[in-house]
N, C-alpha and C. Protein backbone atom coordinates (compact mmCIF):
# COMPACT_ATOMS: atom_id res chain seq x y z
N GLU A 1 21.16 -31.84 138.04
CA GLU A 1 21.95 -32.59 137.07
C GLU A 1 21.39 -32.81 135.68
N GLY A 2 21.50 -31.74 134.79
CA GLY A 2 20.93 -31.91 133.61
C GLY A 2 21.54 -32.68 132.42
N LEU A 3 20.89 -32.86 131.40
CA LEU A 3 21.52 -33.47 130.14
C LEU A 3 22.85 -32.75 129.84
N SER A 4 23.89 -33.39 129.52
CA SER A 4 25.23 -32.89 129.33
C SER A 4 25.65 -31.83 130.19
N ASN A 5 25.88 -30.71 129.56
CA ASN A 5 26.45 -29.48 130.44
C ASN A 5 25.29 -28.50 130.87
N ASN A 6 23.90 -28.92 130.61
CA ASN A 6 22.83 -28.01 130.84
C ASN A 6 22.76 -28.08 132.34
N LYS A 7 23.62 -27.27 133.06
CA LYS A 7 23.42 -27.06 134.40
C LYS A 7 23.68 -25.62 135.04
N GLY A 8 23.03 -25.44 136.12
CA GLY A 8 23.17 -23.96 136.63
C GLY A 8 22.84 -23.95 138.14
N LEU A 9 23.25 -22.85 138.69
CA LEU A 9 22.77 -22.74 140.11
C LEU A 9 22.22 -21.26 140.29
N GLU A 10 21.45 -21.23 141.27
CA GLU A 10 20.75 -19.85 141.47
C GLU A 10 20.75 -19.52 142.97
N LEU A 11 21.04 -18.24 143.23
CA LEU A 11 20.84 -17.77 144.57
C LEU A 11 19.80 -16.88 144.60
N TYR A 12 19.25 -16.71 145.88
CA TYR A 12 18.03 -15.84 146.07
C TYR A 12 18.30 -14.83 147.21
N ASN A 13 17.97 -13.66 147.09
CA ASN A 13 17.98 -12.61 148.05
C ASN A 13 16.54 -12.51 148.53
N PRO A 14 16.27 -13.04 149.85
CA PRO A 14 14.94 -12.83 150.50
C PRO A 14 14.80 -11.65 151.23
N THR A 15 15.71 -10.78 151.14
CA THR A 15 15.64 -9.52 152.06
C THR A 15 14.98 -8.44 151.25
N ASN A 16 14.81 -7.25 152.18
CA ASN A 16 14.24 -5.98 151.47
C ASN A 16 15.39 -5.00 150.98
N ALA A 17 16.61 -5.43 150.94
CA ALA A 17 17.72 -4.71 150.56
C ALA A 17 18.69 -5.40 149.73
N SER A 18 19.36 -4.66 148.84
CA SER A 18 20.34 -5.30 147.92
C SER A 18 21.35 -6.01 148.63
N ILE A 19 21.96 -7.07 148.30
CA ILE A 19 23.03 -7.63 148.92
C ILE A 19 24.25 -7.78 148.05
N SER A 20 25.44 -7.34 148.56
CA SER A 20 26.71 -7.46 147.85
C SER A 20 27.08 -8.83 147.97
N LEU A 21 27.57 -9.42 146.83
CA LEU A 21 27.97 -10.72 146.77
C LEU A 21 29.66 -10.75 147.19
N SER A 22 30.05 -9.67 147.48
CA SER A 22 31.73 -9.64 147.81
C SER A 22 31.87 -10.34 149.24
N GLY A 23 32.79 -11.40 149.09
CA GLY A 23 33.17 -12.26 150.24
C GLY A 23 32.35 -13.53 150.24
N TYR A 24 31.41 -13.70 149.19
CA TYR A 24 30.68 -14.94 149.09
C TYR A 24 31.35 -15.85 148.09
N LYS A 25 31.34 -17.18 148.37
CA LYS A 25 31.89 -18.15 147.36
C LYS A 25 30.89 -19.30 147.21
N ILE A 26 31.06 -19.89 146.02
CA ILE A 26 30.52 -21.24 145.77
C ILE A 26 31.70 -22.37 145.79
N LEU A 27 31.54 -23.34 146.60
CA LEU A 27 32.40 -24.38 146.72
C LEU A 27 31.88 -25.75 146.01
N LEU A 28 32.68 -26.40 145.12
CA LEU A 28 32.24 -27.67 144.66
C LEU A 28 33.08 -28.61 145.21
N TYR A 29 32.63 -29.67 145.69
CA TYR A 29 33.38 -30.82 146.33
C TYR A 29 33.03 -32.10 145.58
N THR A 30 33.71 -32.53 144.65
CA THR A 30 33.41 -33.64 143.80
C THR A 30 33.91 -35.03 144.40
N ASN A 31 32.92 -35.99 144.05
CA ASN A 31 33.12 -37.35 144.40
C ASN A 31 33.63 -37.60 145.91
N GLY A 32 32.91 -37.03 146.74
CA GLY A 32 33.15 -37.25 148.19
C GLY A 32 34.64 -36.47 148.82
N ALA A 33 35.11 -35.66 148.11
CA ALA A 33 36.19 -34.85 148.52
C ALA A 33 36.02 -34.08 149.77
N VAL A 34 37.04 -33.90 150.67
CA VAL A 34 36.76 -32.90 151.71
C VAL A 34 37.38 -31.48 151.56
N THR A 35 38.00 -31.37 150.28
CA THR A 35 38.44 -29.99 150.00
C THR A 35 37.93 -29.77 148.61
N PRO A 36 37.54 -28.46 148.33
CA PRO A 36 36.80 -28.03 147.06
C PRO A 36 37.71 -28.41 145.83
N SER A 37 37.05 -28.84 144.73
CA SER A 37 37.82 -29.07 143.58
C SER A 37 37.67 -27.80 142.68
N LYS A 38 36.67 -26.90 143.03
CA LYS A 38 36.48 -25.63 142.19
C LYS A 38 35.79 -24.72 143.12
N THR A 39 36.31 -23.43 143.05
CA THR A 39 35.83 -22.33 143.86
C THR A 39 35.36 -21.13 142.92
N LEU A 40 34.31 -20.55 143.08
CA LEU A 40 33.87 -19.41 142.47
C LEU A 40 33.57 -18.27 143.46
N ASN A 41 34.42 -17.34 143.30
CA ASN A 41 34.40 -16.11 144.04
C ASN A 41 33.40 -15.22 143.49
N LEU A 42 32.29 -14.86 144.14
CA LEU A 42 31.13 -14.13 143.67
C LEU A 42 31.44 -12.60 143.64
N SER A 43 30.75 -11.84 142.88
CA SER A 43 30.85 -10.42 142.74
C SER A 43 29.56 -9.96 142.24
N GLY A 44 29.48 -8.65 142.46
CA GLY A 44 28.29 -7.89 141.90
C GLY A 44 27.24 -7.93 143.10
N ASN A 45 26.01 -7.67 142.85
CA ASN A 45 24.99 -7.62 143.76
C ASN A 45 23.71 -8.42 143.43
N ILE A 46 22.97 -8.78 144.32
CA ILE A 46 21.67 -9.36 144.21
C ILE A 46 20.65 -8.31 144.75
N ALA A 47 19.73 -7.80 143.73
CA ALA A 47 18.65 -6.87 144.23
C ALA A 47 17.79 -7.67 145.20
N SER A 48 17.19 -6.81 145.94
CA SER A 48 16.02 -7.23 146.75
C SER A 48 14.98 -8.26 146.16
N LEU A 49 14.69 -9.41 146.74
CA LEU A 49 13.83 -10.18 146.14
C LEU A 49 14.02 -10.80 144.73
N HIS A 50 15.29 -10.73 144.35
CA HIS A 50 15.64 -11.11 143.07
C HIS A 50 16.73 -12.30 143.28
N THR A 51 17.05 -12.97 142.03
CA THR A 51 17.80 -14.19 141.91
C THR A 51 19.22 -13.83 141.35
N TYR A 52 20.28 -14.50 141.49
CA TYR A 52 21.42 -14.51 140.70
C TYR A 52 21.80 -15.77 140.26
N VAL A 53 21.90 -16.06 138.83
CA VAL A 53 21.99 -17.24 138.18
C VAL A 53 23.30 -17.49 137.67
N MET A 54 23.87 -18.68 137.80
CA MET A 54 25.04 -19.02 137.08
C MET A 54 24.90 -20.22 136.33
N SER A 55 25.52 -20.18 135.13
CA SER A 55 25.35 -21.44 134.22
C SER A 55 26.56 -21.76 133.69
N ASP A 56 26.71 -23.03 133.12
CA ASP A 56 27.93 -23.48 132.58
C ASP A 56 27.94 -23.01 131.10
N SER A 57 29.24 -22.74 130.80
CA SER A 57 29.45 -22.14 129.47
C SER A 57 28.95 -23.00 128.24
N SER A 58 28.91 -24.29 128.51
CA SER A 58 28.58 -25.18 127.56
C SER A 58 27.02 -25.53 127.45
N ALA A 59 26.22 -24.84 128.36
CA ALA A 59 24.88 -25.12 128.55
C ALA A 59 24.07 -24.54 127.38
N ASN A 60 22.89 -25.01 127.04
CA ASN A 60 22.16 -24.51 125.91
C ASN A 60 21.90 -22.97 126.07
N GLY A 61 21.62 -22.49 124.82
CA GLY A 61 21.33 -20.94 124.99
C GLY A 61 20.30 -20.53 125.74
N TYR A 62 19.25 -21.28 125.84
CA TYR A 62 18.18 -20.73 126.81
C TYR A 62 18.61 -20.73 128.30
N ILE A 63 19.34 -21.64 128.75
CA ILE A 63 19.94 -21.49 130.04
C ILE A 63 20.83 -20.33 130.21
N LYS A 64 21.78 -20.22 129.31
CA LYS A 64 22.93 -19.09 129.17
C LYS A 64 22.07 -17.76 129.27
N ALA A 65 20.83 -17.65 128.41
CA ALA A 65 20.32 -16.45 128.36
C ALA A 65 19.62 -15.92 129.75
N LEU A 66 19.53 -16.89 130.66
CA LEU A 66 18.98 -16.52 131.97
C LEU A 66 19.93 -16.32 132.93
N ALA A 67 21.30 -16.64 132.57
CA ALA A 67 22.35 -16.37 133.56
C ALA A 67 22.80 -15.16 133.70
N ASP A 68 23.27 -14.67 134.93
CA ASP A 68 24.01 -13.56 135.29
C ASP A 68 25.36 -13.55 135.04
N THR A 69 25.82 -14.86 135.29
CA THR A 69 27.40 -15.25 135.06
C THR A 69 27.38 -16.64 134.32
N ILE A 70 28.16 -16.57 133.32
CA ILE A 70 28.43 -17.81 132.55
C ILE A 70 29.87 -18.38 132.91
N LEU A 71 29.86 -19.52 133.45
CA LEU A 71 31.08 -20.06 134.07
C LEU A 71 31.83 -20.91 132.99
N ASN A 72 33.18 -20.68 133.05
CA ASN A 72 34.13 -21.35 132.03
C ASN A 72 35.00 -22.55 132.69
N THR A 73 35.06 -23.55 132.14
CA THR A 73 35.69 -24.78 132.83
C THR A 73 37.29 -24.41 132.65
N LEU A 74 37.73 -23.64 131.75
CA LEU A 74 39.06 -23.30 131.39
C LEU A 74 39.54 -22.29 132.52
N ALA A 75 38.72 -21.56 133.06
CA ALA A 75 39.03 -20.53 134.11
C ALA A 75 39.07 -21.37 135.49
N GLY A 76 38.64 -22.53 135.73
CA GLY A 76 38.75 -23.30 136.94
C GLY A 76 37.74 -22.84 137.89
N ASN A 77 36.79 -22.08 137.52
CA ASN A 77 35.74 -21.61 138.53
C ASN A 77 34.31 -22.16 138.12
N ASP A 78 34.30 -23.23 137.23
CA ASP A 78 33.05 -23.71 136.76
C ASP A 78 32.38 -24.70 137.86
N VAL A 79 31.82 -24.15 138.75
CA VAL A 79 31.11 -24.77 139.88
C VAL A 79 29.81 -25.57 139.43
N THR A 80 29.41 -25.23 138.37
CA THR A 80 28.17 -26.02 137.64
C THR A 80 28.62 -27.01 136.86
N SER A 81 29.96 -27.54 137.10
CA SER A 81 30.21 -28.85 136.34
C SER A 81 30.03 -29.98 137.48
N PHE A 82 28.97 -29.94 138.17
CA PHE A 82 28.56 -30.91 139.18
C PHE A 82 27.84 -32.22 138.60
N ASN A 83 27.89 -33.21 139.36
CA ASN A 83 27.07 -34.54 139.03
C ASN A 83 26.25 -34.70 140.32
N GLY A 84 25.32 -35.62 140.41
CA GLY A 84 24.46 -35.86 141.47
C GLY A 84 25.13 -36.20 142.92
N ASN A 85 26.35 -36.68 142.69
CA ASN A 85 27.13 -37.00 143.83
C ASN A 85 28.23 -36.10 144.33
N ASP A 86 28.01 -34.82 143.83
CA ASP A 86 28.95 -33.72 144.20
C ASP A 86 28.42 -32.87 145.16
N ALA A 87 28.93 -32.36 146.33
CA ALA A 87 28.46 -31.39 147.26
C ALA A 87 28.71 -29.93 146.83
N ILE A 88 27.88 -29.28 147.04
CA ILE A 88 28.00 -27.70 146.79
C ILE A 88 27.84 -26.89 147.97
N ALA A 89 28.50 -25.98 148.37
CA ALA A 89 28.50 -25.05 149.46
C ALA A 89 28.46 -23.58 149.11
N LEU A 90 27.72 -22.79 149.78
CA LEU A 90 27.57 -21.38 149.77
C LEU A 90 28.35 -21.04 151.07
N VAL A 91 29.40 -20.21 150.90
CA VAL A 91 30.23 -19.70 151.94
C VAL A 91 30.41 -18.17 152.14
N LYS A 92 30.40 -17.77 153.07
CA LYS A 92 30.74 -16.21 153.38
C LYS A 92 31.94 -15.99 154.24
N ASN A 93 32.80 -15.20 153.69
CA ASN A 93 34.04 -14.85 154.39
C ASN A 93 34.97 -16.02 154.78
N ASN A 94 34.94 -16.92 153.89
CA ASN A 94 35.77 -18.12 154.02
C ASN A 94 35.51 -19.05 155.08
N THR A 95 34.63 -18.77 156.10
CA THR A 95 34.56 -19.64 157.18
C THR A 95 32.89 -19.84 157.48
N ASP A 96 32.18 -18.95 156.97
CA ASP A 96 30.76 -19.28 157.42
C ASP A 96 30.00 -19.94 156.29
N THR A 97 29.65 -21.18 156.55
CA THR A 97 28.86 -22.00 155.57
C THR A 97 27.34 -21.55 155.63
N LEU A 98 26.86 -21.09 154.79
CA LEU A 98 25.45 -20.61 154.76
C LEU A 98 24.41 -21.64 154.29
N ASP A 99 24.92 -22.40 153.49
CA ASP A 99 23.98 -23.54 152.67
C ASP A 99 24.71 -24.48 152.01
N ILE A 100 24.08 -25.73 151.91
CA ILE A 100 24.79 -26.85 151.20
C ILE A 100 23.76 -27.62 150.55
N ILE A 101 24.31 -28.39 149.54
CA ILE A 101 23.48 -29.44 148.81
C ILE A 101 24.56 -30.57 148.85
N GLY A 102 23.99 -31.63 149.56
CA GLY A 102 24.81 -32.83 149.64
C GLY A 102 25.58 -32.91 150.83
N GLN A 103 26.48 -33.98 151.07
CA GLN A 103 27.33 -33.93 152.27
C GLN A 103 28.83 -33.93 151.86
N ILE A 104 29.42 -32.89 152.40
CA ILE A 104 30.93 -32.80 152.07
C ILE A 104 31.69 -33.96 152.70
N GLY A 105 32.71 -34.54 151.98
CA GLY A 105 33.32 -35.77 152.38
C GLY A 105 32.54 -37.16 152.10
N VAL A 106 31.47 -37.16 151.57
CA VAL A 106 30.61 -38.37 151.41
C VAL A 106 30.35 -38.43 149.83
N ASN A 107 30.50 -39.65 149.38
CA ASN A 107 30.12 -39.98 147.95
C ASN A 107 29.04 -40.95 148.08
N PRO A 108 27.87 -40.40 147.75
CA PRO A 108 26.64 -41.41 147.90
C PRO A 108 26.67 -42.41 146.75
N GLY A 109 27.58 -42.45 145.78
CA GLY A 109 27.48 -43.29 144.67
C GLY A 109 27.25 -42.54 143.37
N ASN A 110 28.16 -42.90 142.33
CA ASN A 110 28.09 -42.26 141.13
C ASN A 110 26.82 -42.02 140.36
N ASN A 111 25.96 -43.10 140.51
CA ASN A 111 24.69 -43.01 139.86
C ASN A 111 23.50 -42.90 140.60
N SER A 112 23.66 -42.74 142.05
CA SER A 112 22.57 -42.58 142.95
C SER A 112 22.34 -41.25 143.46
N GLY A 113 23.25 -40.55 143.88
CA GLY A 113 23.08 -39.18 144.47
C GLY A 113 22.45 -39.39 146.03
N TRP A 114 22.22 -38.36 146.75
CA TRP A 114 21.65 -38.32 147.88
C TRP A 114 20.05 -38.28 147.85
N THR A 115 19.41 -38.97 148.65
CA THR A 115 17.99 -39.05 148.72
C THR A 115 17.45 -37.58 149.18
N VAL A 116 16.51 -37.27 148.44
CA VAL A 116 15.87 -35.93 148.61
C VAL A 116 14.44 -35.95 148.18
N ASP A 117 13.41 -35.71 148.84
CA ASP A 117 12.00 -35.72 148.51
C ASP A 117 11.67 -37.13 148.00
N THR A 118 11.01 -37.08 146.66
CA THR A 118 10.75 -38.39 146.07
C THR A 118 11.68 -38.90 145.12
N GLY A 119 12.93 -38.31 145.11
CA GLY A 119 14.10 -38.76 144.35
C GLY A 119 15.41 -38.51 144.94
N THR A 120 16.32 -38.23 144.03
CA THR A 120 17.83 -38.13 144.51
C THR A 120 18.35 -36.84 143.78
N THR A 121 19.51 -36.43 144.36
CA THR A 121 20.22 -35.31 143.67
C THR A 121 20.84 -35.63 142.33
N ALA A 122 20.80 -37.03 141.95
CA ALA A 122 21.33 -37.42 140.61
C ALA A 122 20.08 -37.29 139.47
N ASN A 123 20.41 -36.78 138.57
CA ASN A 123 19.48 -36.79 137.36
C ASN A 123 18.05 -36.16 137.64
N HIS A 124 18.04 -35.20 138.67
CA HIS A 124 16.81 -34.41 138.80
C HIS A 124 17.07 -32.91 139.04
N THR A 125 15.82 -32.21 138.91
CA THR A 125 15.94 -30.70 139.09
C THR A 125 15.43 -30.62 140.61
N LEU A 126 16.19 -29.84 141.40
CA LEU A 126 15.61 -29.58 142.86
C LEU A 126 15.13 -28.15 142.88
N ILE A 127 14.03 -28.09 143.57
CA ILE A 127 13.29 -26.78 143.73
C ILE A 127 13.29 -26.46 145.18
N ARG A 128 13.84 -25.55 145.70
CA ARG A 128 13.63 -25.30 147.16
C ARG A 128 12.19 -24.97 147.55
N HIS A 129 11.58 -25.59 148.69
CA HIS A 129 10.21 -25.21 149.14
C HIS A 129 10.01 -23.82 149.37
N ALA A 130 8.85 -23.24 149.20
CA ALA A 130 8.62 -21.90 149.30
C ALA A 130 8.66 -21.47 150.68
N ASP A 131 8.45 -22.48 151.62
CA ASP A 131 8.37 -22.16 153.14
C ASP A 131 9.67 -22.13 153.66
N VAL A 132 10.72 -22.26 152.88
CA VAL A 132 12.28 -22.29 153.46
C VAL A 132 12.60 -20.89 153.45
N HIS A 133 12.90 -20.35 154.62
CA HIS A 133 13.41 -18.90 154.82
C HIS A 133 14.79 -18.65 154.88
N ALA A 134 15.70 -19.79 155.18
CA ALA A 134 17.20 -19.54 155.22
C ALA A 134 17.79 -20.83 154.77
N GLY A 135 19.04 -20.62 154.36
CA GLY A 135 19.82 -21.95 154.02
C GLY A 135 20.19 -22.70 155.34
N THR A 136 20.93 -23.86 155.16
CA THR A 136 21.34 -24.49 156.23
C THR A 136 22.65 -25.35 155.92
N LYS A 137 23.63 -25.49 156.89
CA LYS A 137 24.80 -26.34 156.64
C LYS A 137 24.58 -27.85 157.00
N ASP A 138 23.37 -28.25 157.33
CA ASP A 138 23.10 -29.43 157.85
C ASP A 138 22.20 -30.21 156.76
N TRP A 139 22.99 -31.08 155.97
CA TRP A 139 22.24 -31.81 154.96
C TRP A 139 21.04 -32.52 155.46
N THR A 140 21.04 -33.12 156.51
CA THR A 140 19.87 -33.85 157.08
C THR A 140 18.59 -32.99 157.02
N ILE A 141 18.77 -31.76 157.31
CA ILE A 141 17.77 -30.64 157.23
C ILE A 141 17.60 -30.27 155.88
N SER A 142 18.48 -29.92 155.12
CA SER A 142 18.37 -29.41 153.80
C SER A 142 17.72 -30.40 152.86
N ALA A 143 18.08 -31.72 153.12
CA ALA A 143 17.34 -32.90 152.18
C ALA A 143 15.91 -32.89 152.34
N THR A 144 15.37 -32.22 153.26
CA THR A 144 13.81 -32.12 153.52
C THR A 144 13.16 -30.87 152.80
N GLN A 145 14.10 -30.10 152.22
CA GLN A 145 13.64 -28.73 151.91
C GLN A 145 13.43 -28.58 150.56
N TRP A 146 13.48 -29.74 149.62
CA TRP A 146 13.47 -29.55 148.13
C TRP A 146 12.34 -30.39 147.69
N SER A 147 11.85 -29.87 146.53
CA SER A 147 11.01 -30.57 145.69
C SER A 147 11.91 -31.30 144.57
N VAL A 148 11.45 -32.49 144.03
CA VAL A 148 12.26 -32.95 142.97
C VAL A 148 11.27 -33.09 141.62
N LEU A 149 11.99 -32.44 140.59
CA LEU A 149 11.34 -32.52 139.32
C LEU A 149 12.22 -33.45 138.20
N PRO A 150 11.63 -33.73 137.31
CA PRO A 150 12.39 -34.30 136.15
C PRO A 150 13.55 -33.60 135.72
N HIS A 151 14.74 -34.29 135.45
CA HIS A 151 15.88 -33.64 134.93
C HIS A 151 15.58 -32.73 133.74
N ASP A 152 16.25 -31.79 133.44
CA ASP A 152 16.17 -30.76 132.29
C ASP A 152 14.82 -29.88 132.54
N THR A 153 14.31 -29.76 133.65
CA THR A 153 13.23 -28.94 134.01
C THR A 153 13.86 -27.46 134.44
N VAL A 154 13.70 -26.42 133.57
CA VAL A 154 14.28 -25.19 133.87
C VAL A 154 13.51 -24.22 134.50
N ARG A 155 13.85 -23.65 135.65
CA ARG A 155 12.98 -22.66 136.45
C ARG A 155 14.00 -21.68 137.05
N LEU A 156 14.80 -21.03 136.09
CA LEU A 156 15.82 -20.19 136.56
C LEU A 156 15.30 -18.63 136.35
N GLY A 157 15.79 -17.94 137.31
CA GLY A 157 15.57 -16.41 137.17
C GLY A 157 14.42 -15.76 138.13
N SER A 158 13.74 -16.79 138.82
CA SER A 158 12.73 -16.22 139.79
C SER A 158 12.50 -17.37 140.85
N HIS A 159 12.13 -16.90 142.06
CA HIS A 159 11.91 -17.85 143.23
C HIS A 159 10.62 -17.41 143.88
N THR A 160 9.84 -18.44 144.37
CA THR A 160 8.80 -18.05 145.05
C THR A 160 9.04 -18.49 146.58
N MET A 161 8.86 -17.55 147.55
CA MET A 161 9.01 -17.78 148.90
C MET A 161 7.80 -17.25 149.70
N ASN A 162 7.32 -18.07 150.49
CA ASN A 162 6.22 -17.63 151.39
C ASN A 162 6.85 -16.60 152.48
N ALA A 163 5.89 -15.53 152.70
CA ALA A 163 6.16 -14.59 153.55
C ALA A 163 6.47 -15.06 155.01
N CYS A 164 7.51 -14.61 155.53
CA CYS A 164 7.81 -15.10 156.89
C CYS A 164 7.71 -14.20 158.03
N GLY A 165 7.01 -13.11 157.90
CA GLY A 165 6.61 -12.15 158.95
C GLY A 165 8.00 -11.46 159.44
N THR A 166 8.28 -11.14 160.68
CA THR A 166 9.30 -10.51 161.18
C THR A 166 10.31 -11.49 161.51
N VAL A 167 11.14 -11.87 160.51
CA VAL A 167 12.33 -12.80 160.74
C VAL A 167 13.54 -12.10 160.18
N VAL A 168 14.67 -12.28 160.77
CA VAL A 168 16.01 -11.75 160.28
C VAL A 168 16.50 -13.00 159.51
N VAL A 169 16.77 -12.66 158.12
CA VAL A 169 17.28 -13.53 157.13
C VAL A 169 18.68 -13.40 157.17
N PRO A 170 19.69 -14.41 157.46
CA PRO A 170 21.06 -13.99 157.59
C PRO A 170 21.64 -13.60 156.24
N SER A 171 21.20 -14.04 155.25
CA SER A 171 21.81 -13.55 153.88
C SER A 171 21.32 -14.26 152.83
N VAL A 172 22.10 -14.41 151.67
CA VAL A 172 21.89 -15.00 150.43
C VAL A 172 21.58 -16.54 150.71
N VAL A 173 20.63 -17.10 150.16
CA VAL A 173 20.35 -18.52 150.14
C VAL A 173 20.23 -19.15 148.85
N PHE A 174 20.46 -20.51 148.82
CA PHE A 174 20.27 -21.26 147.47
C PHE A 174 18.79 -21.02 147.15
N SER A 175 18.47 -20.81 146.02
CA SER A 175 17.07 -20.65 145.66
C SER A 175 16.41 -22.06 145.28
N PRO A 176 15.32 -22.13 144.81
CA PRO A 176 14.66 -23.29 144.51
C PRO A 176 15.42 -24.03 143.18
N ASN A 177 16.20 -23.27 142.48
CA ASN A 177 16.78 -23.78 141.26
C ASN A 177 18.28 -24.07 141.46
N VAL A 178 18.63 -24.11 142.71
CA VAL A 178 20.16 -24.26 142.95
C VAL A 178 20.74 -25.44 142.12
N TYR A 179 20.02 -26.55 142.08
CA TYR A 179 20.64 -27.69 141.60
C TYR A 179 19.81 -28.18 140.39
N THR A 180 19.41 -27.36 139.57
CA THR A 180 18.47 -27.45 138.51
C THR A 180 19.03 -28.04 137.27
N ASP A 181 18.33 -29.06 136.81
CA ASP A 181 18.80 -29.76 135.59
C ASP A 181 18.29 -28.83 134.51
N ARG A 182 19.03 -28.73 133.34
CA ARG A 182 18.67 -27.81 132.41
C ARG A 182 18.30 -28.51 131.11
N LYS A 183 17.54 -27.90 130.14
CA LYS A 183 17.40 -28.32 128.88
C LYS A 183 18.46 -27.71 127.99
């Protein structure tokens, strides 16, 4: 949750092959809602070991320059219009939740957000730990997988992940910058 509209999300492809984003969606659940207030149907591909960045159309020029997709509030797909109390989910084929930030159906408070690492999801940048090899739909697990940095810390466009040996990675996961505050 960055200053004003300086917000973005990042996905990371940890596999050795390009991944088509066809069938993937980002869902934004605002203020404790149980149904999404905004949906972004993803398209294109994420190259092997690369990221896919989405930014708000009103973000500063630096953030928009790092974005693969710039989202527009008027189009209704601006899933980057989140606050620290909004849940975000990565879904495949409408039914398979691959990753989340926050708890769908829960509002932790407008100014507090969910507890994560040494801070909260409100007014902070979240960076996924390098030893996390896959997303999770369980927030009690996900809440332990992030480092917290001051808001407006921008680290979009790359992700560091420790090698995981021979492990089958299910698909795209939120990268360390998924809930990144922007300058």
